[in-house]
């Protein structure tokens, strides 16, 4: 039991230290930076425009009535 609690304490301490040093180096939160990095490369390819999606659905739904 002591070994388990000791390992947890070391892990929490190391995580706190790494988080603190990351915070002092960067102004943005780590999740915000990861989201920008992951989504930045493909953001333009995957832009979602609800109006154009709704228009496309309406056009496809009414296309069978025009036949």
PDB file of N, CA and C in Angstrom:
ATOM      1  N   UNK A   1       0.825  -1.188   0.000  1.00  0.00           N
ATOM      2  CA  UNK A   1       0.000   0.000   0.000  1.00  0.00           C
ATOM      3  C   UNK A   1       0.874   1.260   0.000  1.00  0.00           C
ATOM      4  N   UNK A   2       1.957   1.207   0.775  1.00  0.00           N
ATOM      5  CA  UNK A   2       2.850   2.351   0.822  1.00  0.00           C
ATOM      6  C   UNK A   2       3.472   2.620  -0.551  1.00  0.00           C
ATOM      7  N   UNK A   3       3.855   1.553  -1.230  1.00  0.00           N
ATOM      8  CA  UNK A   3       4.465   1.695  -2.554  1.00  0.00           C
ATOM      9  C   UNK A   3       3.481   2.355  -3.525  1.00  0.00           C
ATOM     10  N   UNK A   4       2.219   1.958  -3.456  1.00  0.00           N
ATOM     11  CA  UNK A   4       1.192   2.534  -4.320  1.00  0.00           C
ATOM     12  C   UNK A   4       1.011   4.025  -4.037  1.00  0.00           C
ATOM     13  N   UNK A   5       0.863   4.388  -2.778  1.00  0.00           N
ATOM     14  CA  UNK A   5       0.686   5.804  -2.416  1.00  0.00           C
ATOM     15  C   UNK A   5       1.931   6.621  -2.757  1.00  0.00           C
ATOM     16  N   UNK A   6       3.090   6.040  -2.567  1.00  0.00           N
ATOM     17  CA  UNK A   6       4.329   6.731  -2.909  1.00  0.00           C
ATOM     18  C   UNK A   6       4.392   6.994  -4.418  1.00  0.00           C
ATOM     19  N   UNK A   7       4.012   6.003  -5.224  1.00  0.00           N
ATOM     20  CA  UNK A   7       4.018   6.167  -6.681  1.00  0.00           C
ATOM     21  C   UNK A   7       3.017   7.235  -7.106  1.00  0.00           C
ATOM     22  N   UNK A   8       1.839   7.238  -6.513  1.00  0.00           N
ATOM     23  CA  UNK A   8       0.833   8.260  -6.819  1.00  0.00           C
ATOM     24  C   UNK A   8       1.351   9.641  -6.439  1.00  0.00           C
ATOM     25  N   UNK A   9       1.972   9.763  -5.269  1.00  0.00           N
ATOM     26  CA  UNK A   9       2.503  11.052  -4.824  1.00  0.00           C
ATOM     27  C   UNK A   9       3.592  11.550  -5.770  1.00  0.00           C
ATOM     28  N   UNK A  10       4.470  10.680  -6.200  1.00  0.00           N
ATOM     29  CA  UNK A  10       5.519  11.068  -7.151  1.00  0.00           C
ATOM     30  C   UNK A  10       4.898  11.505  -8.476  1.00  0.00           C
ATOM     31  N   UNK A  11       3.905  10.777  -8.940  1.00  0.00           N
ATOM     32  CA  UNK A  11       3.241  11.126 -10.197  1.00  0.00           C
ATOM     33  C   UNK A  11       2.529  12.462 -10.126  1.00  0.00           C
ATOM     34  N   UNK A  12       1.830  12.715  -9.041  1.00  0.00           N
ATOM     35  CA  UNK A  12       1.137  13.995  -8.876  1.00  0.00           C
ATOM     36  C   UNK A  12       2.149  15.131  -8.777  1.00  0.00           C
ATOM     37  N   UNK A  13       3.214  14.924  -8.043  1.00  0.00           N
ATOM     38  CA  UNK A  13       4.240  15.958  -7.920  1.00  0.00           C
ATOM     39  C   UNK A  13       4.910  16.266  -9.252  1.00  0.00           C
ATOM     40  N   UNK A  14       5.233  15.229 -10.015  1.00  0.00           N
ATOM     41  CA  UNK A  14       5.868  15.435 -11.315  1.00  0.00           C
ATOM     42  C   UNK A  14       4.905  16.123 -12.279  1.00  0.00           C
ATOM     43  N   UNK A  15       3.649  15.724 -12.253  1.00  0.00           N
ATOM     44  CA  UNK A  15       2.662  16.355 -13.134  1.00  0.00           C
ATOM     45  C   UNK A  15       2.451  17.815 -12.784  1.00  0.00           C
ATOM     46  N   UNK A  16       2.403  18.119 -11.502  1.00  0.00           N
ATOM     47  CA  UNK A  16       2.244  19.510 -11.069  1.00  0.00           C
ATOM     48  C   UNK A  16       3.444  20.339 -11.509  1.00  0.00           C
ATOM     49  N   UNK A  17       4.632  19.797 -11.339  1.00  0.00           N
ATOM     50  CA  UNK A  17       5.846  20.515 -11.733  1.00  0.00           C
ATOM     51  C   UNK A  17       5.877  20.760 -13.242  1.00  0.00           C
ATOM     52  N   UNK A  18       5.569  19.733 -14.031  1.00  0.00           N
ATOM     53  CA  UNK A  18       5.579  19.892 -15.491  1.00  0.00           C
ATOM     54  C   UNK A  18       4.508  20.868 -15.945  1.00  0.00           C
ATOM     55  N   UNK A  19       3.349  20.825 -15.322  1.00  0.00           N
ATOM     56  CA  UNK A  19       2.290  21.769 -15.664  1.00  0.00           C
ATOM     57  C   UNK A  19       2.668  23.198 -15.316  1.00  0.00           C
ATOM     58  N   UNK A  20       3.329  23.375 -14.187  1.00  0.00           N
ATOM     59  CA  UNK A  20       3.735  24.720 -13.779  1.00  0.00           C
ATOM     60  C   UNK A  20       4.799  25.275 -14.729  1.00  0.00           C
ATOM     61  N   UNK A  21       5.776  24.469 -15.104  1.00  0.00           N
ATOM     62  CA  UNK A  21       6.809  24.961 -16.020  1.00  0.00           C
ATOM     63  C   UNK A  21       6.221  25.239 -17.401  1.00  0.00           C
ATOM     64  N   UNK A  22       5.254  24.430 -17.833  1.00  0.00           N
ATOM     65  CA  UNK A  22       4.598  24.680 -19.119  1.00  0.00           C
ATOM     66  C   UNK A  22       3.818  25.991 -19.066  1.00  0.00           C
ATOM     67  N   UNK A  23       3.166  26.241 -17.935  1.00  0.00           N
ATOM     68  CA  UNK A  23       2.391  27.470 -17.778  1.00  0.00           C
ATOM     69  C   UNK A  23       3.290  28.704 -17.806  1.00  0.00           C
ATOM     70  N   UNK A  24       4.455  28.622 -17.213  1.00  0.00           N
ATOM     71  CA  UNK A  24       5.337  29.780 -17.189  1.00  0.00           C
ATOM     72  C   UNK A  24       5.975  30.041 -18.551  1.00  0.00           C
ATOM     73  N   UNK A  25       6.114  29.002 -19.385  1.00  0.00           N
ATOM     74  CA  UNK A  25       6.722  29.178 -20.702  1.00  0.00           C
ATOM     75  C   UNK A  25       5.724  29.687 -21.736  1.00  0.00           C
ATOM     76  N   UNK A  26       4.464  29.252 -21.638  1.00  0.00           N
ATOM     77  CA  UNK A  26       3.472  29.549 -22.669  1.00  0.00           C
ATOM     78  C   UNK A  26       2.319  30.336 -22.075  1.00  0.00           C
ATOM     79  N   UNK A  27       1.768  31.228 -22.908  1.00  0.00           N
ATOM     80  CA  UNK A  27       0.649  32.038 -22.449  1.00  0.00           C
ATOM     81  C   UNK A  27      -0.677  31.295 -22.602  1.00  0.00           C
ATOM     82  N   UNK A  28      -0.794  30.461 -23.654  1.00  0.00           N
ATOM     83  CA  UNK A  28      -2.035  29.726 -23.893  1.00  0.00           C
ATOM     84  C   UNK A  28      -2.024  28.393 -23.153  1.00  0.00           C
ATOM     85  N   UNK A  29      -3.216  27.888 -22.904  1.00  0.00           N
ATOM     86  CA  UNK A  29      -3.385  26.591 -22.246  1.00  0.00           C
ATOM     87  C   UNK A  29      -2.910  25.484 -23.182  1.00  0.00           C
ATOM     88  N   UNK A  30      -2.437  24.379 -22.620  1.00  0.00           N
ATOM     89  CA  UNK A  30      -1.882  23.288 -23.416  1.00  0.00           C
ATOM     90  C   UNK A  30      -2.933  22.695 -24.361  1.00  0.00           C
ATOM     91  N   UNK A  31      -4.183  22.567 -23.924  1.00  0.00           N
ATOM     92  CA  UNK A  31      -5.216  22.018 -24.803  1.00  0.00           C
ATOM     93  C   UNK A  31      -5.529  22.959 -25.961  1.00  0.00           C
ATOM     94  N   UNK A  32      -5.474  24.246 -25.718  1.00  0.00           N
ATOM     95  CA  UNK A  32      -5.688  25.216 -26.785  1.00  0.00           C
ATOM     96  C   UNK A  32      -4.565  25.135 -27.818  1.00  0.00           C
ATOM     97  N   UNK A  33      -3.338  24.963 -27.349  1.00  0.00           N
ATOM     98  CA  UNK A  33      -2.217  24.844 -28.285  1.00  0.00           C
ATOM     99  C   UNK A  33      -2.308  23.559 -29.096  1.00  0.00           C
ATOM    100  N   UNK A  34      -2.692  22.448 -28.450  1.00  0.00           N
ATOM    101  CA  UNK A  34      -2.823  21.188 -29.177  1.00  0.00           C
ATOM    102  C   UNK A  34      -3.939  21.247 -30.203  1.00  0.00           C
ATOM    103  N   UNK A  35      -5.048  21.895 -29.858  1.00  0.00           N
ATOM    104  CA  UNK A  35      -6.162  22.038 -30.799  1.00  0.00           C
ATOM    105  C   UNK A  35      -5.745  22.870 -31.999  1.00  0.00           C
ATOM    106  N   UNK A  36      -5.022  23.945 -31.763  1.00  0.00           N
ATOM    107  CA  UNK A  36      -4.553  24.766 -32.879  1.00  0.00           C
ATOM    108  C   UNK A  36      -3.588  23.989 -33.761  1.00  0.00           C
ATOM    109  N   UNK A  37      -2.718  23.209 -33.146  1.00  0.00           N
ATOM    110  CA  UNK A  37      -1.748  22.450 -33.928  1.00  0.00           C
ATOM    111  C   UNK A  37      -2.433  21.363 -34.747  1.00  0.00           C
ATOM    112  N   UNK A  38      -3.359  20.651 -34.135  1.00  0.00           N
ATOM    113  CA  UNK A  38      -4.025  19.542 -34.827  1.00  0.00           C
ATOM    114  C   UNK A  38      -5.002  20.049 -35.870  1.00  0.00           C
ATOM    115  N   UNK A  39      -5.753  21.088 -35.548  1.00  0.00           N
ATOM    116  CA  UNK A  39      -6.777  21.561 -36.467  1.00  0.00           C
ATOM    117  C   UNK A  39      -6.287  22.605 -37.450  1.00  0.00           C
ATOM    118  N   UNK A  40      -5.132  23.176 -37.206  1.00  0.00           N
ATOM    119  CA  UNK A  40      -4.653  24.250 -38.056  1.00  0.00           C
ATOM    120  C   UNK A  40      -4.363  23.820 -39.478  1.00  0.00           C
ATOM    121  N   UNK A  41      -3.882  22.603 -39.650  1.00  0.00           N
ATOM    122  CA  UNK A  41      -3.492  22.137 -40.981  1.00  0.00           C
ATOM    123  C   UNK A  41      -4.695  21.848 -41.866  1.00  0.00           C
ATOM    124  N   UNK A  42      -5.795  21.413 -41.285  1.00  0.00           N
ATOM    125  CA  UNK A  42      -6.948  21.007 -42.094  1.00  0.00           C
ATOM    126  C   UNK A  42      -8.178  21.870 -41.837  1.00  0.00           C
ATOM    127  N   UNK A  43      -8.024  22.932 -41.111  1.00  0.00           N
ATOM    128  CA  UNK A  43      -9.184  23.748 -40.748  1.00  0.00           C
ATOM    129  C   UNK A  43      -9.878  24.309 -41.982  1.00  0.00           C
ATOM    130  N   UNK A  44      -9.122  24.729 -42.976  1.00  0.00           N
ATOM    131  CA  UNK A  44      -9.738  25.307 -44.179  1.00  0.00           C
ATOM    132  C   UNK A  44     -10.459  24.257 -45.012  1.00  0.00           C
ATOM    133  N   UNK A  45      -9.993  23.025 -44.949  1.00  0.00           N
ATOM    134  CA  UNK A  45     -10.615  21.955 -45.728  1.00  0.00           C
ATOM    135  C   UNK A  45     -11.924  21.487 -45.121  1.00  0.00           C
ATOM    136  N   UNK A  46     -12.108  21.684 -43.831  1.00  0.00           N
ATOM    137  CA  UNK A  46     -13.249  21.120 -43.133  1.00  0.00           C
ATOM    138  C   UNK A  46     -14.161  22.203 -42.566  1.00  0.00           C
ATOM    139  N   UNK A  47     -14.184  23.353 -43.173  1.00  0.00           N
ATOM    140  CA  UNK A  47     -15.050  24.410 -42.674  1.00  0.00           C
ATOM    141  C   UNK A  47     -16.506  24.004 -42.841  1.00  0.00           C
ATOM    142  N   UNK A  48     -17.291  24.252 -41.841  1.00  0.00           N
ATOM    143  CA  UNK A  48     -18.698  23.880 -41.865  1.00  0.00           C
ATOM    144  C   UNK A  48     -19.531  25.148 -41.932  1.00  0.00           C
ATOM    145  N   UNK A  49     -20.325  25.252 -42.977  1.00  0.00           N
ATOM    146  CA  UNK A  49     -21.230  26.371 -43.151  1.00  0.00           C
ATOM    147  C   UNK A  49     -22.654  25.825 -43.059  1.00  0.00           C
ATOM    148  N   UNK A  50     -23.344  26.078 -41.954  1.00  0.00           N
ATOM    149  CA  UNK A  50     -24.673  25.491 -41.776  1.00  0.00           C
ATOM    150  C   UNK A  50     -25.659  25.887 -42.864  1.00  0.00           C
ATOM    151  N   UNK A  51     -25.549  27.099 -43.371  1.00  0.00           N
ATOM    152  CA  UNK A  51     -26.484  27.531 -44.414  1.00  0.00           C
ATOM    153  C   UNK A  51     -26.300  26.738 -45.699  1.00  0.00           C
ATOM    154  N   UNK A  52     -25.056  26.519 -46.088  1.00  0.00           N
ATOM    155  CA  UNK A  52     -24.829  25.753 -47.313  1.00  0.00           C
ATOM    156  C   UNK A  52     -25.209  24.283 -47.126  1.00  0.00           C
ATOM    157  N   UNK A  53     -25.001  23.747 -45.928  1.00  0.00           N
ATOM    158  CA  UNK A  53     -25.413  22.370 -45.661  1.00  0.00           C
ATOM    159  C   UNK A  53     -26.934  22.235 -45.723  1.00  0.00           C
ATOM    160  N   UNK A  54     -27.648  23.200 -45.153  1.00  0.00           N
ATOM    161  CA  UNK A  54     -29.113  23.158 -45.180  1.00  0.00           C
ATOM    162  C   UNK A  54     -29.621  23.287 -46.607  1.00  0.00           C
ATOM    163  N   UNK A  55     -29.007  24.161 -47.380  1.00  0.00           N
ATOM    164  CA  UNK A  55     -29.426  24.321 -48.778  1.00  0.00           C
ATOM    165  C   UNK A  55     -29.177  23.043 -49.565  1.00  0.00           C
ATOM    166  N   UNK A  56     -28.053  22.383 -49.320  1.00  0.00           N
ATOM    167  CA  UNK A  56     -27.747  21.140 -50.025  1.00  0.00           C
ATOM    168  C   UNK A  56     -28.741  20.041 -49.653  1.00  0.00           C
ATOM    169  N   UNK A  57     -29.109  19.977 -48.385  1.00  0.00           N
ATOM    170  CA  UNK A  57     -30.079  18.973 -47.950  1.00  0.00           C
ATOM    171  C   UNK A  57     -31.449  19.260 -48.553  1.00  0.00           C
ATOM    172  N   UNK A  58     -31.854  20.514 -48.578  1.00  0.00           N
ATOM    173  CA  UNK A  58     -33.145  20.872 -49.164  1.00  0.00           C
ATOM    174  C   UNK A  58     -33.177  20.560 -50.658  1.00  0.00           C
ATOM    175  N   UNK A  59     -32.085  20.846 -51.339  1.00  0.00           N
ATOM    176  CA  UNK A  59     -32.024  20.566 -52.776  1.00  0.00           C
ATOM    177  C   UNK A  59     -32.084  19.071 -53.046  1.00  0.00           C
ATOM    178  N   UNK A  60     -31.385  18.294 -52.233  1.00  0.00           N
ATOM    179  CA  UNK A  60     -31.392  16.850 -52.464  1.00  0.00           C
ATOM    180  C   UNK A  60     -32.732  16.233 -52.058  1.00  0.00           C
ATOM    181  N   UNK A  61     -33.387  16.806 -51.052  1.00  0.00           N
ATOM    182  CA  UNK A  61     -34.668  16.268 -50.606  1.00  0.00           C
ATOM    183  C   UNK A  61     -35.780  16.576 -51.605  1.00  0.00           C
ATOM    184  N   UNK A  62     -35.700  17.713 -52.257  1.00  0.00           N
ATOM    185  CA  UNK A  62     -36.761  18.083 -53.200  1.00  0.00           C
ATOM    186  C   UNK A  62     -36.431  17.646 -54.617  1.00  0.00           C
ATOM    187  N   UNK A  63     -35.266  17.069 -54.835  1.00  0.00           N
ATOM    188  CA  UNK A  63     -34.890  16.658 -56.189  1.00  0.00           C
ATOM    189  C   UNK A  63     -35.790  15.518 -56.685  1.00  0.00           C
ATOM    190  N   UNK A  64     -36.200  14.640 -55.812  1.00  0.00           N
ATOM    191  CA  UNK A  64     -37.027  13.510 -56.263  1.00  0.00           C
ATOM    192  C   UNK A  64     -38.439  13.989 -56.605  1.00  0.00           C
ATOM    193  N   UNK A  65     -38.869  15.121 -56.089  1.00  0.00           N
ATOM    194  CA  UNK A  65     -40.196  15.644 -56.423  1.00  0.00           C
ATOM    195  C   UNK A  65     -40.220  16.270 -57.805  1.00  0.00           C
ATOM    196  N   UNK A  66     -39.079  16.734 -58.272  1.00  0.00           N
ATOM    197  CA  UNK A  66     -39.011  17.417 -59.576  1.00  0.00           C
ATOM    198  C   UNK A  66     -39.060  16.440 -60.739  1.00  0.00           C
ATOM    199  N   UNK A  67     -38.872  15.177 -60.494  1.00  0.00           N
ATOM    200  CA  UNK A  67     -38.815  14.214 -61.585  1.00  0.00           C
ATOM    201  C   UNK A  67     -40.132  13.982 -62.234  1.00  0.00           C
TER     202      UNK A  67
END
